[in-house]
Amino acid sequence: MLCAIYKSSKKEGAYLYIPKKGDFSQVPDTLMQMFGKPIMVMMVNLDGRKLAQVDIDKVLQSLKEDGFFLQLPPPPKDLLQEYKQQKARQQPD
């Protein structure tokens, strides 16, 4: 399946996959407002590919069922919480 990938002009790390270049008709208006002006990144054939940040099966399913797929960046790590957990493991019982 060929699809177009756009990055968000408002949300760092957010990408929108759509089946046809420039056809945002299946994307809800509220999502488009939050996404901002889409910036074309690439056209890609998803058949037989692996993606670095998302499960290809989820992308394909969403494209078929919803007409788009929104990839969001992973949530930031809570470094303070990780530090506390590491310290707690180092404490003698």
PDB file of N, CA and C in Angstrom:
ATOM      1  N   MET A   1       0.847  -1.180   0.000  1.00  0.00           N
ATOM      2  CA  MET A   1       0.000   0.000   0.000  1.00  0.00           C
ATOM      3  C   MET A   1       0.895   1.247   0.000  1.00  0.00           C
ATOM      4  N   LEU A   2       0.651   2.112  -0.923  1.00  0.00           N
ATOM      5  CA  LEU A   2       1.374   3.375  -1.018  1.00  0.00           C
ATOM      6  C   LEU A   2       0.686   4.401  -0.127  1.00  0.00           C
ATOM      7  N   CYS A   3       1.484   5.179   0.612  1.00  0.00           N
ATOM      8  CA  CYS A   3       0.871   6.232   1.428  1.00  0.00           C
ATOM      9  C   CYS A   3       1.805   7.440   1.502  1.00  0.00           C
ATOM     10  N   ALA A   4       1.206   8.559   1.867  1.00  0.00           N
ATOM     11  CA  ALA A   4       1.953   9.807   2.036  1.00  0.00           C
ATOM     12  C   ALA A   4       2.111  10.057   3.528  1.00  0.00           C
ATOM     13  N   ILE A   5       3.293  10.528   3.913  1.00  0.00           N
ATOM     14  CA  ILE A   5       3.566  10.830   5.315  1.00  0.00           C
ATOM     15  C   ILE A   5       3.856  12.325   5.436  1.00  0.00           C
ATOM     16  N   TYR A   6       3.161  12.947   6.387  1.00  0.00           N
ATOM     17  CA  TYR A   6       3.310  14.377   6.645  1.00  0.00           C
ATOM     18  C   TYR A   6       3.721  14.578   8.097  1.00  0.00           C
ATOM     19  N   LYS A   7       4.555  15.593   8.329  1.00  0.00           N
ATOM     20  CA  LYS A   7       4.865  15.942   9.716  1.00  0.00           C
ATOM     21  C   LYS A   7       4.069  17.177  10.102  1.00  0.00           C
ATOM     22  N   SER A   8       3.869  17.317  11.401  1.00  0.00           N
ATOM     23  CA  SER A   8       3.072  18.418  11.927  1.00  0.00           C
ATOM     24  C   SER A   8       3.897  19.696  12.025  1.00  0.00           C
ATOM     25  N   SER A   9       3.247  20.808  11.728  1.00  0.00           N
ATOM     26  CA  SER A   9       3.906  22.106  11.901  1.00  0.00           C
ATOM     27  C   SER A   9       3.729  22.619  13.335  1.00  0.00           C
ATOM     28  N   LYS A  10       2.877  21.950  14.117  1.00  0.00           N
ATOM     29  CA  LYS A  10       2.604  22.397  15.489  1.00  0.00           C
ATOM     30  C   LYS A  10       3.139  21.457  16.558  1.00  0.00           C
ATOM     31  N   LYS A  11       3.140  20.161  16.294  1.00  0.00           N
ATOM     32  CA  LYS A  11       3.484  19.167  17.315  1.00  0.00           C
ATOM     33  C   LYS A  11       4.739  18.415  16.892  1.00  0.00           C
ATOM     34  N   GLU A  12       5.836  18.679  17.576  1.00  0.00           N
ATOM     35  CA  GLU A  12       7.110  18.018  17.280  1.00  0.00           C
ATOM     36  C   GLU A  12       6.967  16.503  17.399  1.00  0.00           C
ATOM     37  N   GLY A  13       7.410  15.786  16.385  1.00  0.00           N
ATOM     38  CA  GLY A  13       7.393  14.327  16.418  1.00  0.00           C
ATOM     39  C   GLY A  13       6.079  13.689  16.018  1.00  0.00           C
ATOM     40  N   ALA A  14       5.077  14.486  15.619  1.00  0.00           N
ATOM     41  CA  ALA A  14       3.794  13.943  15.183  1.00  0.00           C
ATOM     42  C   ALA A  14       3.795  13.805  13.660  1.00  0.00           C
ATOM     43  N   TYR A  15       3.354  12.627  13.192  1.00  0.00           N
ATOM     44  CA  TYR A  15       3.306  12.342  11.758  1.00  0.00           C
ATOM     45  C   TYR A  15       1.932  11.799  11.399  1.00  0.00           C
ATOM     46  N   LEU A  16       1.455  12.187  10.229  1.00  0.00           N
ATOM     47  CA  LEU A  16       0.156  11.762   9.744  1.00  0.00           C
ATOM     48  C   LEU A  16       0.363  10.972   8.455  1.00  0.00           C
ATOM     49  N   TYR A  17      -0.148   9.736   8.435  1.00  0.00           N
ATOM     50  CA  TYR A  17      -0.071   8.863   7.264  1.00  0.00           C
ATOM     51  C   TYR A  17      -1.441   8.883   6.605  1.00  0.00           C
ATOM     52  N   ILE A  18      -1.471   9.115   5.292  1.00  0.00           N
ATOM     53  CA  ILE A  18      -2.733   9.075   4.549  1.00  0.00           C
ATOM     54  C   ILE A  18      -2.521   8.289   3.249  1.00  0.00           C
ATOM     55  N   PRO A  19      -3.578   7.625   2.758  1.00  0.00           N
ATOM     56  CA  PRO A  19      -3.416   6.787   1.571  1.00  0.00           C
ATOM     57  C   PRO A  19      -3.136   7.552   0.271  1.00  0.00           C
ATOM     58  N   LYS A  20      -3.652   8.770   0.152  1.00  0.00           N
ATOM     59  CA  LYS A  20      -3.459   9.541  -1.076  1.00  0.00           C
ATOM     60  C   LYS A  20      -2.822  10.881  -0.751  1.00  0.00           C
ATOM     61  N   LYS A  21      -1.793  11.220  -1.488  1.00  0.00           N
ATOM     62  CA  LYS A  21      -1.097  12.495  -1.285  1.00  0.00           C
ATOM     63  C   LYS A  21      -2.081  13.657  -1.389  1.00  0.00           C
ATOM     64  N   GLY A  22      -2.100  14.489  -0.344  1.00  0.00           N
ATOM     65  CA  GLY A  22      -2.913  15.698  -0.341  1.00  0.00           C
ATOM     66  C   GLY A  22      -4.390  15.498  -0.044  1.00  0.00           C
ATOM     67  N   ASP A  23      -4.836  14.251   0.183  1.00  0.00           N
ATOM     68  CA  ASP A  23      -6.257  13.992   0.448  1.00  0.00           C
ATOM     69  C   ASP A  23      -6.469  13.812   1.955  1.00  0.00           C
ATOM     70  N   PHE A  24      -6.847  14.883   2.614  1.00  0.00           N
ATOM     71  CA  PHE A  24      -7.070  14.877   4.061  1.00  0.00           C
ATOM     72  C   PHE A  24      -8.557  14.757   4.398  1.00  0.00           C
ATOM     73  N   SER A  25      -9.373  14.330   3.446  1.00  0.00           N
ATOM     74  CA  SER A  25     -10.822  14.298   3.629  1.00  0.00           C
ATOM     75  C   SER A  25     -11.272  13.344   4.741  1.00  0.00           C
ATOM     76  N   GLN A  26     -10.509  12.302   5.036  1.00  0.00           N
ATOM     77  CA  GLN A  26     -10.873  11.350   6.084  1.00  0.00           C
ATOM     78  C   GLN A  26     -10.368  11.767   7.475  1.00  0.00           C
ATOM     79  N   VAL A  27      -9.528  12.788   7.525  1.00  0.00           N
ATOM     80  CA  VAL A  27      -8.951  13.237   8.797  1.00  0.00           C
ATOM     81  C   VAL A  27      -9.916  14.233   9.447  1.00  0.00           C
ATOM     82  N   PRO A  28     -10.320  13.987  10.710  1.00  0.00           N
ATOM     83  CA  PRO A  28     -11.242  14.908  11.383  1.00  0.00           C
ATOM     84  C   PRO A  28     -10.688  16.340  11.446  1.00  0.00           C
ATOM     85  N   ASP A  29     -11.591  17.310  11.313  1.00  0.00           N
ATOM     86  CA  ASP A  29     -11.202  18.724  11.320  1.00  0.00           C
ATOM     87  C   ASP A  29     -10.475  19.107  12.615  1.00  0.00           C
ATOM     88  N   THR A  30     -10.946  18.577  13.748  1.00  0.00           N
ATOM     89  CA  THR A  30     -10.295  18.912  15.029  1.00  0.00           C
ATOM     90  C   THR A  30      -8.856  18.421  15.061  1.00  0.00           C
ATOM     91  N   LEU A  31      -8.619  17.237  14.493  1.00  0.00           N
ATOM     92  CA  LEU A  31      -7.254  16.715  14.425  1.00  0.00           C
ATOM     93  C   LEU A  31      -6.396  17.595  13.524  1.00  0.00           C
ATOM     94  N   MET A  32      -6.938  18.003  12.391  1.00  0.00           N
ATOM     95  CA  MET A  32      -6.184  18.857  11.467  1.00  0.00           C
ATOM     96  C   MET A  32      -5.845  20.200  12.116  1.00  0.00           C
ATOM     97  N   GLN A  33      -6.749  20.734  12.927  1.00  0.00           N
ATOM     98  CA  GLN A  33      -6.468  22.000  13.616  1.00  0.00           C
ATOM     99  C   GLN A  33      -5.326  21.838  14.616  1.00  0.00           C
ATOM    100  N   MET A  34      -5.333  20.734  15.352  1.00  0.00           N
ATOM    101  CA  MET A  34      -4.261  20.480  16.324  1.00  0.00           C
ATOM    102  C   MET A  34      -2.947  20.140  15.621  1.00  0.00           C
ATOM    103  N   PHE A  35      -3.038  19.463  14.480  1.00  0.00           N
ATOM    104  CA  PHE A  35      -1.854  19.033  13.731  1.00  0.00           C
ATOM    105  C   PHE A  35      -1.154  20.213  13.070  1.00  0.00           C
ATOM    106  N   GLY A  36      -1.939  21.198  12.662  1.00  0.00           N
ATOM    107  CA  GLY A  36      -1.370  22.355  11.966  1.00  0.00           C
ATOM    108  C   GLY A  36      -1.196  22.067  10.485  1.00  0.00           C
ATOM    109  N   LYS A  37      -0.444  22.921   9.827  1.00  0.00           N
ATOM    110  CA  LYS A  37      -0.218  22.756   8.387  1.00  0.00           C
ATOM    111  C   LYS A  37       0.655  21.524   8.158  1.00  0.00           C
ATOM    112  N   PRO A  38       0.135  20.542   7.399  1.00  0.00           N
ATOM    113  CA  PRO A  38       0.916  19.339   7.136  1.00  0.00           C
ATOM    114  C   PRO A  38       2.114  19.642   6.224  1.00  0.00           C
ATOM    115  N   ILE A  39       3.262  19.118   6.575  1.00  0.00           N
ATOM    116  CA  ILE A  39       4.479  19.291   5.786  1.00  0.00           C
ATOM    117  C   ILE A  39       4.854  17.926   5.208  1.00  0.00           C
ATOM    118  N   MET A  40       4.838  17.825   3.883  1.00  0.00           N
ATOM    119  CA  MET A  40       5.112  16.548   3.207  1.00  0.00           C
ATOM    120  C   MET A  40       6.515  16.059   3.548  1.00  0.00           C
ATOM    121  N   VAL A  41       6.601  14.797   3.967  1.00  0.00           N
ATOM    122  CA  VAL A  41       7.889  14.187   4.280  1.00  0.00           C
ATOM    123  C   VAL A  41       8.295  13.226   3.174  1.00  0.00           C
ATOM    124  N   MET A  42       7.380  12.275   2.859  1.00  0.00           N
ATOM    125  CA  MET A  42       7.701  11.296   1.817  1.00  0.00           C
ATOM    126  C   MET A  42       6.478  10.496   1.408  1.00  0.00           C
ATOM    127  N   MET A  43       6.615   9.860   0.261  1.00  0.00           N
ATOM    128  CA  MET A  43       5.684   8.831  -0.189  1.00  0.00           C
ATOM    129  C   MET A  43       6.411   7.513   0.034  1.00  0.00           C
ATOM    130  N   VAL A  44       5.688   6.520   0.552  1.00  0.00           N
ATOM    131  CA  VAL A  44       6.336   5.244   0.844  1.00  0.00           C
ATOM    132  C   VAL A  44       5.383   4.087   0.573  1.00  0.00           C
ATOM    133  N   ASN A  45       5.924   2.988   0.077  1.00  0.00           N
ATOM    134  CA  ASN A  45       5.157   1.767  -0.098  1.00  0.00           C
ATOM    135  C   ASN A  45       5.315   0.967   1.190  1.00  0.00           C
ATOM    136  N   LEU A  46       4.229   0.749   1.905  1.00  0.00           N
ATOM    137  CA  LEU A  46       4.271   0.074   3.199  1.00  0.00           C
ATOM    138  C   LEU A  46       4.355  -1.446   3.092  1.00  0.00           C
ATOM    139  N   ASP A  47       4.080  -1.990   1.910  1.00  0.00           N
ATOM    140  CA  ASP A  47       4.099  -3.441   1.736  1.00  0.00           C
ATOM    141  C   ASP A  47       5.499  -3.992   2.012  1.00  0.00           C
ATOM    142  N   GLY A  48       5.568  -4.929   2.968  1.00  0.00           N
ATOM    143  CA  GLY A  48       6.830  -5.586   3.290  1.00  0.00           C
ATOM    144  C   GLY A  48       7.839  -4.734   4.041  1.00  0.00           C
ATOM    145  N   ARG A  49       7.417  -3.597   4.558  1.00  0.00           N
ATOM    146  CA  ARG A  49       8.334  -2.688   5.275  1.00  0.00           C
ATOM    147  C   ARG A  49       8.196  -2.847   6.768  1.00  0.00           C
ATOM    148  N   LYS A  50       9.224  -2.408   7.466  1.00  0.00           N
ATOM    149  CA  LYS A  50       9.177  -2.240   8.917  1.00  0.00           C
ATOM    150  C   LYS A  50       9.320  -0.754   9.181  1.00  0.00           C
ATOM    151  N   LEU A  51       8.654  -0.295  10.223  1.00  0.00           N
ATOM    152  CA  LEU A  51       8.766   1.104  10.618  1.00  0.00           C
ATOM    153  C   LEU A  51       9.468   1.175  11.967  1.00  0.00           C
ATOM    154  N   ALA A  52      10.249   2.211  12.168  1.00  0.00           N
ATOM    155  CA  ALA A  52      11.081   2.325  13.370  1.00  0.00           C
ATOM    156  C   ALA A  52      10.266   2.535  14.639  1.00  0.00           C
ATOM    157  N   GLN A  53       9.232   3.355  14.584  1.00  0.00           N
ATOM    158  CA  GLN A  53       8.552   3.756  15.811  1.00  0.00           C
ATOM    159  C   GLN A  53       7.162   3.165  16.008  1.00  0.00           C
ATOM    160  N   VAL A  54       6.583   2.588  14.955  1.00  0.00           N
ATOM    161  CA  VAL A  54       5.215   2.070  15.071  1.00  0.00           C
ATOM    162  C   VAL A  54       5.099   0.700  14.422  1.00  0.00           C
ATOM    163  N   ASP A  55       4.075  -0.031  14.838  1.00  0.00           N
ATOM    164  CA  ASP A  55       3.778  -1.344  14.291  1.00  0.00           C
ATOM    165  C   ASP A  55       3.113  -1.173  12.928  1.00  0.00           C
ATOM    166  N   ILE A  56       3.718  -1.739  11.900  1.00  0.00           N
ATOM    167  CA  ILE A  56       3.219  -1.587  10.533  1.00  0.00           C
ATOM    168  C   ILE A  56       1.789  -2.104  10.394  1.00  0.00           C
ATOM    169  N   ASP A  57       1.447  -3.175  11.130  1.00  0.00           N
ATOM    170  CA  ASP A  57       0.082  -3.719  11.052  1.00  0.00           C
ATOM    171  C   ASP A  57      -0.946  -2.728  11.576  1.00  0.00           C
ATOM    172  N   LYS A  58      -0.597  -1.991  12.629  1.00  0.00           N
ATOM    173  CA  LYS A  58      -1.506  -0.969  13.164  1.00  0.00           C
ATOM    174  C   LYS A  58      -1.700   0.162  12.159  1.00  0.00           C
ATOM    175  N   VAL A  59      -0.618   0.531  11.487  1.00  0.00           N
ATOM    176  CA  VAL A  59      -0.695   1.600  10.482  1.00  0.00           C
ATOM    177  C   VAL A  59      -1.610   1.165   9.341  1.00  0.00           C
ATOM    178  N   LEU A  60      -1.369  -0.033   8.812  1.00  0.00           N
ATOM    179  CA  LEU A  60      -2.175  -0.526   7.690  1.00  0.00           C
ATOM    180  C   LEU A  60      -3.647  -0.665   8.070  1.00  0.00           C
ATOM    181  N   GLN A  61      -3.915  -1.195   9.257  1.00  0.00           N
ATOM    182  CA  GLN A  61      -5.295  -1.353   9.711  1.00  0.00           C
ATOM    183  C   GLN A  61      -5.992   0.004   9.840  1.00  0.00           C
ATOM    184  N   SER A  62      -5.290   0.979  10.431  1.00  0.00           N
ATOM    185  CA  SER A  62      -5.862   2.312  10.610  1.00  0.00           C
ATOM    186  C   SER A  62      -6.105   2.996   9.261  1.00  0.00           C
ATOM    187  N   LEU A  63      -5.174   2.833   8.329  1.00  0.00           N
ATOM    188  CA  LEU A  63      -5.361   3.424   7.004  1.00  0.00           C
ATOM    189  C   LEU A  63      -6.599   2.841   6.318  1.00  0.00           C
ATOM    190  N   LYS A  64      -6.807   1.528   6.453  1.00  0.00           N
ATOM    191  CA  LYS A  64      -7.958   0.886   5.816  1.00  0.00           C
ATOM    192  C   LYS A  64      -9.270   1.240   6.514  1.00  0.00           C
ATOM    193  N   GLU A  65      -9.262   1.248   7.861  1.00  0.00           N
ATOM    194  CA  GLU A  65     -10.502   1.470   8.607  1.00  0.00           C
ATOM    195  C   GLU A  65     -10.859   2.943   8.775  1.00  0.00           C
ATOM    196  N   ASP A  66      -9.846   3.775   9.070  1.00  0.00           N
ATOM    197  CA  ASP A  66     -10.099   5.183   9.381  1.00  0.00           C
ATOM    198  C   ASP A  66      -9.735   6.136   8.248  1.00  0.00           C
ATOM    199  N   GLY A  67      -8.878   5.695   7.339  1.00  0.00           N
ATOM    200  CA  GLY A  67      -8.435   6.557   6.249  1.00  0.00           C
ATOM    201  C   GLY A  67      -7.220   7.401   6.600  1.00  0.00           C
ATOM    202  N   PHE A  68      -6.653   7.175   7.796  1.00  0.00           N
ATOM    203  CA  PHE A  68      -5.441   7.891   8.207  1.00  0.00           C
ATOM    204  C   PHE A  68      -4.827   7.171   9.415  1.00  0.00           C
ATOM    205  N   PHE A  69      -3.585   7.498   9.711  1.00  0.00           N
ATOM    206  CA  PHE A  69      -2.925   7.014  10.928  1.00  0.00           C
ATOM    207  C   PHE A  69      -2.129   8.173  11.503  1.00  0.00           C
ATOM    208  N   LEU A  70      -2.280   8.419  12.801  1.00  0.00           N
ATOM    209  CA  LEU A  70      -1.543   9.484  13.480  1.00  0.00           C
ATOM    210  C   LEU A  70      -0.468   8.854  14.353  1.00  0.00           C
ATOM    211  N   GLN A  71       0.770   9.202  14.085  1.00  0.00           N
ATOM    212  CA  GLN A  71       1.902   8.740  14.896  1.00  0.00           C
ATOM    213  C   GLN A  71       2.326   9.875  15.813  1.00  0.00           C
ATOM    214  N   LEU A  72       2.267   9.624  17.110  1.00  0.00           N
ATOM    215  CA  LEU A  72       2.679  10.628  18.097  1.00  0.00           C
ATOM    216  C   LEU A  72       4.022  10.239  18.697  1.00  0.00           C
ATOM    217  N   PRO A  73       4.779  11.216  19.163  1.00  0.00           N
ATOM    218  CA  PRO A  73       6.073  10.889  19.777  1.00  0.00           C
ATOM    219  C   PRO A  73       5.854  10.148  21.089  1.00  0.00           C
ATOM    220  N   PRO A  74       6.823   9.326  21.488  1.00  0.00           N
ATOM    221  CA  PRO A  74       6.682   8.649  22.778  1.00  0.00           C
ATOM    222  C   PRO A  74       6.677   9.671  23.909  1.00  0.00           C
ATOM    223  N   PRO A  75       5.996   9.345  25.011  1.00  0.00           N
ATOM    224  CA  PRO A  75       5.973  10.297  26.124  1.00  0.00           C
ATOM    225  C   PRO A  75       7.380  10.478  26.693  1.00  0.00           C
ATOM    226  N   PRO A  76       7.664  11.651  27.240  1.00  0.00           N
ATOM    227  CA  PRO A  76       8.997  11.879  27.806  1.00  0.00           C
ATOM    228  C   PRO A  76       9.224  10.975  29.019  1.00  0.00           C
ATOM    229  N   LYS A  77      10.458  10.577  29.206  1.00  0.00           N
ATOM    230  CA  LYS A  77      10.802   9.753  30.361  1.00  0.00           C
ATOM    231  C   LYS A  77      10.752  10.593  31.624  1.00  0.00           C
ATOM    232  N   ASP A  78      10.304   9.981  32.699  1.00  0.00           N
ATOM    233  CA  ASP A  78      10.310  10.622  34.004  1.00  0.00           C
ATOM    234  C   ASP A  78      11.634  10.252  34.668  1.00  0.00           C
ATOM    235  N   LEU A  79      12.657  11.043  34.412  1.00  0.00           N
ATOM    236  CA  LEU A  79      14.001  10.732  34.889  1.00  0.00           C
ATOM    237  C   LEU A  79      14.089  10.738  36.407  1.00  0.00           C
ATOM    238  N   LEU A  80      13.334  11.607  37.063  1.00  0.00           N
ATOM    239  CA  LEU A  80      13.346  11.644  38.517  1.00  0.00           C
ATOM    240  C   LEU A  80      12.795  10.340  39.088  1.00  0.00           C
ATOM    241  N   GLN A  81      11.700   9.860  38.531  1.00  0.00           N
ATOM    242  CA  GLN A  81      11.111   8.602  38.993  1.00  0.00           C
ATOM    243  C   GLN A  81      12.075   7.436  38.759  1.00  0.00           C
ATOM    244  N   GLU A  82      12.730   7.408  37.601  1.00  0.00           N
ATOM    245  CA  GLU A  82      13.701   6.355  37.313  1.00  0.00           C
ATOM    246  C   GLU A  82      14.848   6.391  38.313  1.00  0.00           C
ATOM    247  N   TYR A  83      15.317   7.575  38.646  1.00  0.00           N
ATOM    248  CA  TYR A  83      16.403   7.727  39.609  1.00  0.00           C
ATOM    249  C   TYR A  83      15.981   7.207  40.988  1.00  0.00           C
ATOM    250  N   LYS A  84      14.760   7.568  41.408  1.00  0.00           N
ATOM    251  CA  LYS A  84      14.261   7.113  42.710  1.00  0.00           C
ATOM    252  C   LYS A  84      14.149   5.591  42.758  1.00  0.00           C
ATOM    253  N   GLN A  85      13.670   4.993  41.678  1.00  0.00           N
ATOM    254  CA  GLN A  85      13.550   3.540  41.635  1.00  0.00           C
ATOM    255  C   GLN A  85      14.922   2.859  41.675  1.00  0.00           C
ATOM    256  N   GLN A  86      15.854   3.443  40.982  1.00  0.00           N
ATOM    257  CA  GLN A  86      17.222   2.892  40.970  1.00  0.00           C
ATOM    258  C   GLN A  86      17.836   2.981  42.370  1.00  0.00           C
ATOM    259  N   LYS A  87      17.660   4.114  43.032  1.00  0.00           N
ATOM    260  CA  LYS A  87      18.189   4.294  44.394  1.00  0.00           C
ATOM    261  C   LYS A  87      17.541   3.325  45.367  1.00  0.00           C
ATOM    262  N   ALA A  88      16.225   3.100  45.213  1.00  0.00           N
ATOM    263  CA  ALA A  88      15.504   2.205  46.095  1.00  0.00           C
ATOM    264  C   ALA A  88      16.018   0.773  45.941  1.00  0.00           C
ATOM    265  N   ARG A  89      16.378   0.374  44.729  1.00  0.00           N
ATOM    266  CA  ARG A  89      16.904  -0.971  44.508  1.00  0.00           C
ATOM    267  C   ARG A  89      18.291  -1.122  45.117  1.00  0.00           C
ATOM    268  N   GLN A  90      19.026  -0.039  45.246  1.00  0.00           N
ATOM    269  CA  GLN A  90      20.388  -0.093  45.773  1.00  0.00           C
ATOM    270  C   GLN A  90      20.415  -0.074  47.299  1.00  0.00           C
ATOM    271  N   GLN A  91      19.309   0.299  47.932  1.00  0.00           N
ATOM    272  CA  GLN A  91      19.247   0.376  49.382  1.00  0.00           C
ATOM    273  C   GLN A  91      19.281  -1.029  49.978  1.00  0.00           C
ATOM    274  N   PRO A  92      20.097  -1.250  51.018  1.00  0.00           N
ATOM    275  CA  PRO A  92      20.075  -2.561  51.688  1.00  0.00           C
ATOM    276  C   PRO A  92      18.783  -2.714  52.465  1.00  0.00           C
ATOM    277  N   ASP A  93      18.308  -3.939  52.564  1.00  0.00           N
ATOM    278  CA  ASP A  93      17.039  -4.204  53.269  1.00  0.00           C
ATOM    279  C   ASP A  93      17.178  -4.131  54.738  1.00  0.00           C
TER     280      ASP A  93
END
